[in-house]
Protein backbone atom coordinates (compact mmCIF):
# COMPACT_ATOMS: atom_id res chain seq x y z
CA MET A 1 12.02 13.55 -40.40
CA ASN A 2 11.02 15.42 -37.24
CA ARG A 3 7.30 15.79 -37.82
CA PHE A 4 5.17 13.55 -35.63
CA VAL A 5 1.46 12.80 -35.30
CA CYS A 6 -0.21 11.34 -32.22
CA VAL A 7 -3.93 10.60 -31.94
CA HIS A 8 -5.18 9.89 -28.41
CA GLY A 9 -8.48 8.13 -27.69
CA HIS A 10 -10.05 8.20 -24.23
CA PHE A 11 -12.13 5.00 -24.12
CA TYR A 12 -14.47 4.89 -21.16
CA GLN A 13 -17.85 3.80 -19.88
CA PRO A 14 -19.03 4.17 -16.28
CA PRO A 15 -19.29 1.04 -14.15
CA ARG A 16 -22.77 -0.30 -14.89
CA GLU A 17 -22.96 -3.43 -12.72
CA ASN A 18 -25.83 -3.73 -10.27
CA PRO A 19 -23.95 -3.77 -6.93
CA TRP A 20 -26.32 -6.39 -5.52
CA THR A 21 -25.96 -8.86 -8.40
CA GLY A 22 -22.63 -7.96 -10.02
CA GLU A 23 -24.38 -8.04 -13.41
CA VAL A 24 -25.32 -5.23 -15.79
CA ASP A 25 -29.10 -4.83 -15.92
CA GLU A 26 -30.81 -4.64 -19.29
CA GLU A 27 -30.72 -1.05 -20.57
CA VAL A 28 -33.66 -0.77 -22.94
CA SER A 29 -32.39 2.47 -24.48
CA ALA A 30 -29.42 0.48 -25.88
CA HIS A 31 -31.76 -1.69 -28.02
CA PRO A 32 -31.17 -3.92 -29.92
CA TYR A 33 -28.31 -4.65 -27.50
CA HIS A 34 -28.66 -5.68 -23.87
CA ASP A 35 -26.85 -2.61 -22.53
CA TRP A 36 -24.67 0.31 -23.61
CA ASN A 37 -21.40 -1.49 -22.94
CA GLU A 38 -22.47 -4.22 -25.36
CA ARG A 39 -23.68 -1.77 -27.96
CA ILE A 40 -20.60 0.46 -27.93
CA THR A 41 -18.33 -2.59 -28.02
CA ALA A 42 -20.06 -3.65 -31.23
CA GLU A 43 -19.92 -0.15 -32.72
CA CYS A 44 -16.48 0.97 -31.56
CA TYR A 45 -14.25 -1.06 -29.25
CA ARG A 46 -14.22 -4.24 -31.32
CA GLY A 47 -13.59 -2.53 -34.66
CA ASN A 48 -10.61 -0.52 -33.47
CA GLY A 49 -8.92 -3.73 -32.37
CA VAL A 50 -9.11 -5.60 -35.69
CA GLY A 51 -6.66 -5.47 -38.55
CA GLN A 52 -2.90 -5.73 -38.74
CA PRO A 53 -1.89 -3.28 -37.46
CA SER A 54 -4.92 -2.32 -35.39
CA ASN A 55 -5.87 1.26 -34.65
CA TYR A 56 -5.00 0.78 -30.99
CA SER A 57 -1.42 -0.18 -31.87
CA ARG A 58 -0.90 3.02 -33.88
CA MET A 59 -2.49 5.53 -31.51
CA SER A 60 -2.26 6.59 -27.88
CA PHE A 61 -5.17 5.37 -25.76
CA ASP A 62 -6.52 4.87 -22.28
CA PHE A 63 -9.30 2.51 -21.22
CA GLY A 64 -11.31 2.89 -18.05
CA PRO A 65 -10.39 0.09 -15.61
CA THR A 66 -14.02 -0.76 -14.91
CA LEU A 67 -14.67 -0.98 -18.67
CA LEU A 68 -11.68 -3.29 -19.12
CA SER A 69 -13.03 -5.47 -16.32
CA TRP A 70 -16.34 -5.78 -18.18
CA LEU A 71 -14.63 -6.42 -21.52
CA ALA A 72 -12.45 -9.16 -20.02
CA ALA A 73 -15.58 -11.04 -18.94
CA SER A 74 -18.01 -10.14 -21.72
CA SER A 75 -15.93 -9.57 -24.85
CA PRO A 76 -12.62 -11.40 -24.32
CA GLU A 77 -11.56 -11.10 -27.97
CA THR A 78 -11.88 -7.32 -27.81
CA TYR A 79 -10.09 -7.25 -24.46
CA GLY A 80 -7.28 -9.39 -25.87
CA SER A 81 -6.90 -7.11 -28.88
CA ILE A 82 -6.37 -4.12 -26.57
CA LEU A 83 -3.63 -5.86 -24.59
CA GLU A 84 -1.98 -7.15 -27.77
CA ALA A 85 -2.06 -3.65 -29.29
CA ASP A 86 -0.09 -2.28 -26.35
CA ARG A 87 2.53 -5.01 -26.84
CA ALA A 88 2.69 -4.24 -30.57
CA SER A 89 2.98 -0.50 -29.91
CA ARG A 90 6.07 -1.11 -27.77
CA ALA A 91 7.78 -2.65 -30.78
CA ARG A 92 6.57 0.19 -33.00
CA PHE A 93 7.37 3.10 -30.69
CA SER A 94 10.86 2.46 -29.30
CA GLY A 95 9.70 0.38 -26.34
CA HIS A 96 6.96 2.79 -25.26
CA GLY A 97 3.50 1.23 -24.98
CA SER A 98 0.59 3.30 -26.24
CA ALA A 99 -1.74 2.50 -23.34
CA LEU A 100 -2.09 5.08 -20.57
CA ALA A 101 -3.56 4.43 -17.16
CA GLN A 102 -6.72 6.15 -15.93
CA ALA A 103 -7.83 7.20 -12.46
CA TYR A 104 -9.87 4.19 -11.40
CA ASN A 105 -13.59 4.93 -11.71
CA HIS A 106 -13.55 8.32 -13.42
CA ALA A 107 -14.09 10.51 -10.36
CA ILE A 108 -13.41 14.23 -10.74
CA LEU A 109 -10.14 14.34 -8.81
CA PRO A 110 -10.02 18.07 -7.91
CA LEU A 111 -13.34 17.53 -6.09
CA ALA A 112 -12.02 14.51 -4.18
CA ASN A 113 -10.22 14.70 -0.86
CA ARG A 114 -6.52 13.83 -0.80
CA ARG A 115 -7.10 10.32 0.52
CA ASP A 116 -9.56 9.48 -2.27
CA LYS A 117 -7.25 10.99 -4.89
CA MET A 118 -4.48 8.71 -3.69
CA THR A 119 -6.69 5.63 -3.85
CA GLN A 120 -8.12 6.48 -7.28
CA VAL A 121 -4.61 6.90 -8.71
CA ALA A 122 -3.16 3.88 -6.89
CA TRP A 123 -6.01 1.64 -8.06
CA GLY A 124 -5.67 2.94 -11.63
CA ILE A 125 -1.97 2.11 -11.66
CA ARG A 126 -2.40 -1.33 -10.07
CA ASP A 127 -5.23 -2.24 -12.46
CA PHE A 128 -3.08 -1.14 -15.41
CA GLN A 129 -0.10 -3.15 -14.21
CA PHE A 130 -2.27 -6.23 -13.71
CA ARG A 131 -3.66 -6.04 -17.25
CA PHE A 132 -0.79 -4.68 -19.34
CA GLY A 133 2.10 -6.24 -17.45
CA ARG A 134 4.02 -3.00 -17.02
CA LEU A 135 3.89 0.26 -15.14
CA PRO A 136 2.19 3.16 -16.94
CA GLU A 137 4.17 6.15 -18.13
CA GLY A 138 1.14 8.43 -18.37
CA MET A 139 -2.31 8.72 -16.81
CA TRP A 140 -5.52 10.19 -18.18
CA LEU A 141 -7.34 12.44 -15.73
CA PRO A 142 -11.14 12.00 -15.91
CA GLU A 143 -12.59 14.88 -17.94
CA THR A 144 -8.97 16.20 -17.83
CA ALA A 145 -10.05 17.77 -14.51
CA VAL A 146 -6.92 19.03 -12.80
CA ASP A 147 -5.48 21.04 -9.96
CA GLY A 148 -2.05 21.25 -8.40
CA ASP A 149 -2.73 18.62 -5.76
CA THR A 150 -3.87 16.15 -8.44
CA LEU A 151 -0.62 16.63 -10.35
CA GLU A 152 1.30 16.12 -7.10
CA VAL A 153 -0.47 12.80 -6.56
CA LEU A 154 0.34 11.68 -10.10
CA ALA A 155 3.99 12.61 -9.77
CA ALA A 156 4.27 10.99 -6.33
CA ASN A 157 3.05 7.76 -7.92
CA GLY A 158 5.63 7.81 -10.69
CA ILE A 159 3.42 9.15 -13.49
CA ALA A 160 5.58 11.01 -16.02
CA PHE A 161 2.93 12.84 -18.03
CA THR A 162 -0.73 13.62 -18.59
CA ILE A 163 -2.81 15.28 -21.34
CA LEU A 164 -4.78 18.50 -20.88
CA ALA A 165 -6.90 20.84 -22.98
CA PRO A 166 -5.24 24.04 -24.26
CA SER A 167 -7.63 26.15 -22.17
CA GLN A 168 -6.04 24.64 -19.05
CA ALA A 169 -2.70 26.36 -19.64
CA ALA A 170 -2.13 29.55 -17.64
CA ARG A 171 1.49 30.63 -18.17
CA VAL A 172 4.62 29.42 -19.97
CA ARG A 173 8.30 30.27 -19.91
CA GLU A 174 11.67 29.04 -20.99
CA THR A 175 13.40 27.38 -18.05
CA GLY A 176 14.61 30.13 -15.73
CA GLY A 177 12.96 32.87 -17.82
CA GLU A 178 10.01 35.16 -17.27
CA TRP A 179 6.50 33.76 -17.12
CA ARG A 180 4.17 34.74 -19.96
CA ASP A 181 0.37 34.53 -19.70
CA VAL A 182 -1.33 32.35 -22.31
CA ASP A 183 -4.82 31.18 -23.17
CA ALA A 184 -6.22 28.39 -25.33
CA ARG A 185 -5.07 30.21 -28.49
CA GLY A 186 -1.70 31.21 -27.06
CA ILE A 187 -0.43 27.82 -25.93
CA ASP A 188 1.54 26.00 -28.62
CA PRO A 189 0.37 22.36 -28.66
CA ARG A 190 3.41 21.29 -30.68
CA GLU A 191 5.49 21.42 -27.50
CA ALA A 192 5.65 19.26 -24.38
CA TYR A 193 5.65 21.30 -21.17
CA ARG A 194 7.42 20.65 -17.89
CA ILE A 195 5.28 21.50 -14.83
CA PRO A 196 7.34 22.26 -11.70
CA LEU A 197 5.38 21.31 -8.56
CA PRO A 198 5.64 22.82 -5.06
CA SER A 199 6.99 19.53 -3.68
CA GLY A 200 10.00 19.76 -6.00
CA ARG A 201 8.63 17.02 -8.24
CA VAL A 202 7.88 17.62 -11.91
CA ILE A 203 5.41 16.23 -14.41
CA THR A 204 5.07 16.76 -18.15
CA VAL A 205 1.83 17.97 -19.74
CA PHE A 206 0.85 17.71 -23.39
CA PHE A 207 -1.78 20.36 -24.24
CA TYR A 208 -3.61 18.93 -27.23
CA ASP A 209 -4.55 20.90 -30.34
CA GLY A 210 -7.95 22.31 -29.39
CA ALA A 211 -9.14 23.41 -32.83
CA LEU A 212 -8.22 20.06 -34.31
CA ALA A 213 -9.84 18.15 -31.45
CA HIS A 214 -13.06 20.08 -31.96
CA ALA A 215 -13.01 19.32 -35.69
CA VAL A 216 -12.56 15.63 -34.94
CA ALA A 217 -15.14 15.38 -32.14
CA PHE A 218 -17.84 17.61 -33.64
CA GLY A 219 -17.01 17.98 -37.33
CA ASP A 220 -16.89 15.59 -40.24
CA LEU A 221 -13.24 14.51 -40.10
CA PRO A 222 -13.95 11.05 -38.59
CA ARG A 223 -16.25 10.25 -41.52
CA ASP A 224 -13.46 10.20 -44.10
CA GLY A 225 -9.95 8.82 -43.58
CA ALA A 226 -8.33 10.96 -46.28
CA GLU A 227 -9.85 14.13 -44.83
CA LEU A 228 -8.80 13.13 -41.31
CA ALA A 229 -5.23 12.59 -42.50
CA ARG A 230 -5.24 15.95 -44.31
CA GLY A 231 -6.62 17.65 -41.22
CA LEU A 232 -3.84 16.25 -39.04
CA LEU A 233 -1.06 17.01 -41.51
CA SER A 234 -2.36 20.54 -42.12
CA ARG A 235 -1.45 21.56 -38.55
CA PHE A 236 2.31 21.51 -39.18
CA ARG A 237 3.88 24.95 -39.56
CA GLY A 238 7.47 24.09 -40.39
CA ASP A 239 9.14 26.64 -38.07
CA PHE A 240 10.46 24.13 -35.48
CA ASP A 241 13.29 21.62 -35.61
CA GLN A 242 10.65 19.12 -34.55
CA GLU A 243 6.88 19.35 -34.35
CA LEU A 244 4.20 17.23 -32.69
CA VAL A 245 0.61 17.43 -33.93
CA HIS A 246 -1.61 15.67 -31.45
CA VAL A 247 -5.29 15.46 -30.73
CA ALA A 248 -7.31 13.95 -27.88
CA THR A 249 -11.01 13.05 -28.03
CA ASP A 250 -13.35 10.44 -26.65
CA GLY A 251 -12.33 7.12 -28.17
CA GLU A 252 -16.00 6.46 -28.88
CA THR A 253 -15.67 9.07 -31.64
CA TYR A 254 -14.20 6.34 -33.80
CA GLY A 255 -17.17 4.09 -34.48
CA HIS A 256 -19.91 4.99 -31.99
CA HIS A 257 -20.38 8.76 -32.34
CA PHE A 258 -19.45 8.42 -36.02
CA ARG A 259 -20.43 5.17 -37.69
CA GLY A 260 -17.46 3.88 -39.62
CA GLY A 261 -15.11 6.15 -37.68
CA ASP A 262 -12.92 3.16 -36.85
CA ARG A 263 -12.37 2.49 -40.56
CA ALA A 264 -11.73 6.17 -41.25
CA LEU A 265 -9.10 6.27 -38.49
CA ALA A 266 -7.33 3.23 -39.96
CA GLU A 267 -7.38 4.85 -43.41
CA ALA A 268 -5.97 8.07 -41.92
CA PHE A 269 -3.10 6.20 -40.28
CA ASP A 270 -2.37 4.42 -43.57
CA ALA A 271 -2.39 7.72 -45.45
CA ILE A 272 -0.09 9.47 -42.99
CA GLU A 273 2.41 6.60 -43.05
CA ALA A 274 2.31 6.47 -46.86
CA SER A 275 2.68 10.24 -47.26
CA GLY A 276 6.23 10.47 -45.95
CA LEU A 277 5.26 13.82 -44.44
CA ALA A 278 5.12 12.73 -40.79
CA THR A 279 5.75 9.79 -38.48
CA LEU A 280 3.18 8.30 -36.12
CA THR A 281 4.27 8.35 -32.49
CA ASN A 282 2.94 8.10 -28.96
CA TYR A 283 3.57 10.40 -26.02
CA GLY A 284 6.12 8.21 -24.26
CA GLU A 285 8.30 7.87 -27.34
CA TYR A 286 8.07 11.57 -28.16
CA LEU A 287 8.96 12.57 -24.60
CA GLU A 288 12.06 10.39 -24.63
CA LYS A 289 13.23 11.86 -27.94
CA PHE A 290 12.33 15.45 -27.19
CA PRO A 291 12.27 16.39 -23.50
CA PRO A 292 10.37 19.62 -22.74
CA ARG A 293 12.10 22.89 -23.59
CA LEU A 294 9.46 24.99 -21.86
CA GLU A 295 7.76 25.11 -18.48
CA ALA A 296 4.08 25.79 -17.88
CA GLN A 297 1.59 26.48 -15.14
CA ILE A 298 -2.00 25.24 -15.23
CA VAL A 299 -5.34 26.86 -14.54
CA ALA A 300 -6.40 24.91 -11.45
CA GLY A 301 -9.92 23.54 -11.11
CA THR A 302 -10.55 23.16 -14.84
CA SER A 303 -11.56 20.41 -17.25
CA TRP A 304 -12.12 19.82 -20.96
CA SER A 305 -15.93 19.59 -20.83
CA CYS A 306 -17.05 22.41 -18.52
CA SER A 307 -16.50 26.01 -19.54
CA HIS A 308 -16.95 26.98 -15.88
CA GLY A 309 -14.07 24.85 -14.61
CA ILE A 310 -15.39 21.80 -12.77
CA ALA A 311 -18.81 23.17 -11.76
CA ARG A 312 -20.54 20.63 -14.00
CA TRP A 313 -19.96 18.06 -11.23
CA SER A 314 -20.76 20.27 -8.26
CA ASP A 315 -23.08 23.13 -9.19
CA ASP A 316 -25.79 24.48 -11.51
CA CYS A 317 -23.35 25.92 -14.04
CA GLY A 318 -25.49 25.63 -17.17
CA CYS A 319 -23.35 23.06 -18.98
CA SER A 320 -25.79 20.67 -20.57
CA ALA A 321 -26.14 17.44 -22.47
CA GLY A 322 -28.78 19.17 -24.57
CA ARG A 323 -32.14 18.95 -22.79
CA SER A 324 -31.89 21.55 -20.04
CA SER A 325 -29.66 24.41 -18.99
CA SER A 326 -30.86 24.21 -15.37
CA HIS A 327 -29.42 21.60 -13.03
CA PRO A 328 -30.25 22.61 -9.44
CA TRP A 329 -29.83 18.99 -8.33
CA ARG A 330 -26.09 18.75 -8.94
CA ARG A 331 -24.88 20.60 -5.85
CA PRO A 332 -27.19 18.84 -3.35
CA LEU A 333 -26.21 15.47 -4.85
CA ARG A 334 -22.53 16.28 -4.34
CA GLU A 335 -23.24 17.50 -0.81
CA ALA A 336 -25.22 14.38 0.06
CA LEU A 337 -22.47 12.04 -1.12
CA ASP A 338 -19.77 14.12 0.58
CA TRP A 339 -21.74 13.89 3.82
CA LEU A 340 -21.99 10.14 3.44
CA ARG A 341 -18.27 9.75 2.65
CA ASP A 342 -17.20 11.96 5.55
CA THR A 343 -19.58 10.27 8.00
CA LEU A 344 -18.48 6.78 7.00
CA ALA A 345 -14.73 7.49 7.02
CA PRO A 346 -14.12 7.68 10.80
CA LEU A 347 -16.55 4.83 11.42
CA TYR A 348 -14.69 2.68 8.90
CA GLU A 349 -11.32 3.63 10.37
CA ALA A 350 -12.39 2.77 13.91
CA ALA A 351 -13.93 -0.57 12.95
CA ALA A 352 -11.21 -1.56 10.47
CA SER A 353 -8.51 -0.84 13.05
CA GLY A 354 -9.70 -3.95 14.79
CA PHE A 355 -8.60 -5.99 11.76
CA PHE A 356 -5.93 -4.03 9.84
CA ARG A 357 -2.70 -2.39 10.96
CA ASP A 358 -3.47 0.58 8.70
CA PRO A 359 -7.08 0.71 7.44
CA TRP A 360 -6.33 3.20 4.66
CA ALA A 361 -3.25 1.35 3.39
CA ALA A 362 -5.42 -1.76 3.33
CA ARG A 363 -7.99 0.10 1.23
CA ASP A 364 -5.33 1.23 -1.24
CA ASP A 365 -4.03 -2.33 -1.57
CA SER A 366 -7.48 -3.95 -1.72
CA ILE A 367 -7.54 -3.57 -5.51
CA GLN A 368 -5.55 -6.81 -5.44
CA ILE A 369 -8.52 -8.82 -4.22
CA GLU A 370 -10.82 -7.11 -6.70
CA LEU A 371 -8.54 -8.10 -9.57
CA ASP A 372 -7.88 -11.57 -8.15
CA PRO A 373 -10.51 -12.70 -5.63
CA SER A 374 -9.04 -16.20 -5.28
CA GLU A 375 -8.52 -17.66 -1.81
CA GLU A 376 -4.78 -17.48 -2.29
CA SER A 377 -4.90 -13.80 -3.23
CA VAL A 378 -7.18 -12.91 -0.31
CA GLY A 379 -4.92 -14.85 2.03
CA GLU A 380 -1.83 -13.00 0.82
CA PHE A 381 -3.63 -9.68 1.24
CA LEU A 382 -4.65 -10.49 4.82
CA ASP A 383 -1.14 -11.70 5.64
CA ARG A 384 0.16 -8.26 4.64
CA HIS A 385 -2.45 -6.15 6.37
CA ALA A 386 -4.24 -8.00 9.18
CA ILE A 387 -3.14 -7.39 12.77
CA GLY A 388 -3.07 -11.17 13.25
CA PRO A 389 -4.93 -14.32 12.27
CA LEU A 390 -8.63 -13.56 11.71
CA SER A 391 -11.53 -15.83 12.52
CA ALA A 392 -13.98 -16.61 9.73
CA GLU A 393 -16.39 -14.08 11.21
CA ASP A 394 -13.71 -11.37 11.49
CA ARG A 395 -12.50 -12.08 7.98
CA THR A 396 -16.03 -11.55 6.62
CA ALA A 397 -16.34 -8.30 8.53
CA ALA A 398 -12.92 -7.04 7.40
CA LEU A 399 -13.64 -7.75 3.75
CA GLY A 400 -17.12 -6.25 4.12
CA LEU A 401 -15.61 -3.00 5.36
CA LEU A 402 -13.33 -2.85 2.34
CA GLU A 403 -16.33 -3.45 0.08
CA LEU A 404 -18.07 -0.58 1.85
CA GLN A 405 -15.17 1.70 0.94
CA ARG A 406 -15.12 0.45 -2.63
CA ASN A 407 -18.76 1.47 -3.04
CA ALA A 408 -18.06 4.81 -1.37
CA LEU A 409 -15.51 5.47 -4.13
CA LEU A 410 -17.65 4.17 -7.00
CA MET A 411 -20.47 6.53 -6.02
CA TYR A 412 -18.31 9.44 -7.25
CA THR A 413 -18.20 8.28 -10.89
CA SER A 414 -18.39 11.52 -12.87
CA CYS A 415 -21.28 10.48 -15.14
CA GLY A 416 -23.65 10.82 -12.18
CA TRP A 417 -23.51 14.60 -12.66
CA PHE A 418 -22.80 14.93 -16.38
CA PHE A 419 -26.26 14.63 -17.90
CA ASP A 420 -29.48 16.55 -17.39
CA ASP A 421 -31.77 14.30 -15.36
CA PRO A 422 -30.99 12.66 -12.01
CA ALA A 423 -33.51 9.93 -12.90
CA GLY A 424 -31.26 8.79 -15.76
CA LEU A 425 -29.06 5.70 -15.78
CA GLU A 426 -25.90 7.37 -14.61
CA THR A 427 -27.22 9.15 -11.51
CA ARG A 428 -29.24 6.09 -10.55
CA GLN A 429 -26.04 4.11 -10.69
CA VAL A 430 -24.05 6.36 -8.33
CA LEU A 431 -27.00 6.27 -5.93
CA ARG A 432 -26.97 2.48 -6.12
CA TYR A 433 -23.36 2.46 -4.94
CA ALA A 434 -24.28 4.84 -2.13
CA ALA A 435 -27.19 2.58 -1.13
CA HIS A 436 -24.96 -0.48 -1.07
CA ALA A 437 -22.37 1.36 1.02
CA LEU A 438 -25.12 2.25 3.50
CA GLU A 439 -26.26 -1.38 3.68
CA LEU A 440 -22.73 -2.58 4.33
CA ALA A 441 -22.30 0.11 6.98
CA GLU A 442 -25.44 -1.05 8.78
CA GLU A 443 -24.27 -4.68 8.58
CA HIS A 444 -20.71 -4.12 9.76
CA LEU A 445 -20.86 -0.92 11.79
CA GLY A 446 -24.33 -1.11 13.34
CA GLY A 447 -27.06 1.52 13.19
CA SER A 448 -28.49 3.07 10.04
CA LEU A 449 -27.46 6.29 8.34
CA GLU A 450 -30.08 5.86 5.64
CA PRO A 451 -32.81 8.11 7.16
CA LEU A 452 -30.39 11.05 7.32
CA PHE A 453 -29.14 10.38 3.81
CA LEU A 454 -32.72 10.28 2.49
CA ARG A 455 -33.37 13.69 4.02
CA LEU A 456 -30.42 15.06 2.04
CA LEU A 457 -31.68 13.42 -1.14
CA GLU A 458 -35.00 15.25 -0.84
CA ARG A 459 -33.11 18.32 -2.11
CA VAL A 460 -32.02 16.49 -5.29
CA ARG A 461 -34.82 17.36 -7.69
CA SER A 462 -34.78 17.58 -11.48
CA SER A 463 -35.85 20.72 -13.32
CA LEU A 464 -37.32 18.59 -16.14
CA GLY A 465 -41.02 18.87 -15.39
CA GLU A 466 -42.70 17.12 -12.48
CA ARG A 467 -40.13 14.62 -11.26
CA ARG A 468 -39.94 12.93 -7.90
CA ASP A 469 -36.97 13.82 -5.76
CA ALA A 470 -34.00 11.49 -5.38
CA SER A 471 -35.21 10.13 -2.03
CA GLU A 472 -38.14 8.55 -3.88
CA LEU A 473 -35.84 7.41 -6.67
CA TYR A 474 -33.55 5.85 -4.08
CA ARG A 475 -36.32 3.52 -2.91
CA THR A 476 -36.52 1.95 -6.39
CA LEU A 477 -32.81 1.27 -6.87
CA ARG A 478 -32.84 -2.46 -6.24
CA ALA A 479 -35.25 -3.04 -9.11
CA PRO A 480 -34.04 -3.41 -12.71
CA LEU A 481 -33.85 -0.15 -14.60
CA PRO A 482 -37.24 0.92 -15.98
CA PRO A 483 -37.70 1.14 -19.76
CA SER A 484 -38.17 4.89 -19.44
CA ALA A 485 -34.75 5.46 -17.86
CA SER A 486 -32.91 8.03 -19.93
CA VAL A 487 -29.37 7.60 -21.16
CA LEU A 488 -26.78 9.55 -23.05
CA PRO A 489 -23.72 7.30 -22.97
CA SER A 490 -20.33 8.83 -22.25
């Protein structure tokens, strides 16, 4: 039988920890739970990991590294079920684990500079290897936001494939043939596509079934397992030697967006396996069995959740979470954080050169001491990167500079731009990381950039009634989140 079904779930929450305490503040809008991580774990993440076999072991999935870090500490049973599901999926799917890596803290990679792209991908791979005990075959791009340079970075880091929306396909051809223009309706999602890159490298892209994904994410299919199975099986056409029906949605669809969606997904998997009409697979297994016959080119600067490309994270494009179609604050927020990043970079490099042979290689490798902050791990890291033995004072300064850079990366988490109000949880959080980076810069570099940054934040003003600008919001960031803070969880 050469009919295959693959369901991919993108499981993700933004990093929520207060950078000054390392703890997640109470988020009153998540009541009766302490915060949204806790609530969505109860509604979604835990349920998909129960049962033999679990949903995770029969699907393709990626989990945000910062979410996995929280789960490991706060819901170890759920965390363990995710790792065990990847091990079980390797036995089920010809040695190919179902877990995919994810760019580290869900930054929009086409809007990042090349150095930050490299770190986001390197950290995502290292975090994955630490948790799952293997290298990833595929990587999920945050919001499926893509351009050619992003694909080059993935391929340079050994990533074999990624998943994109059908609207992100531009042209296709048979190898060596003539290019043919396509759109979201013209791309055939039953195929895997080889993407030739200017460097000479290649990467495979799976363009998911857009109509089916929409029916799953916004229709009623996740409410009923039998209907979900019928919906998946209905997409086969029977005109290929082999066919892949695959769908990608937020993993939170299965239990959080749709109560009981985790049970419906399990019932759908049972029904598909019992039907004899198709075989469950994951992308790694399918790619090994059926290498791409066709080549494709992408539409650069696009994503799955912004009809204007990637403007949702850099401009007032009109894409909305439902409350407002006007977001004049998005561009000045991006410009303020870009200014901070670009101002800090040469200062970091100059100061860190006094401690590290290569400050940027040290940053890329510093994920080790985030994953394992033990004295032994830190010592091994410094042995690899320090220019020589460091005094206690120099060691504190060197590690402080790396923490500065970590916060300068975390401040680009995509959720900061996604929703309608910069006073909401997500934008507050990216500003918290910026504030902590500024504090660390003052401590380890001398002088204060905060007054200039506050001037830039004066331009970040919500269109939702009379709201203070982000410079005023910034001054409240150390305090716990107020009960009125808005939230629409990712």
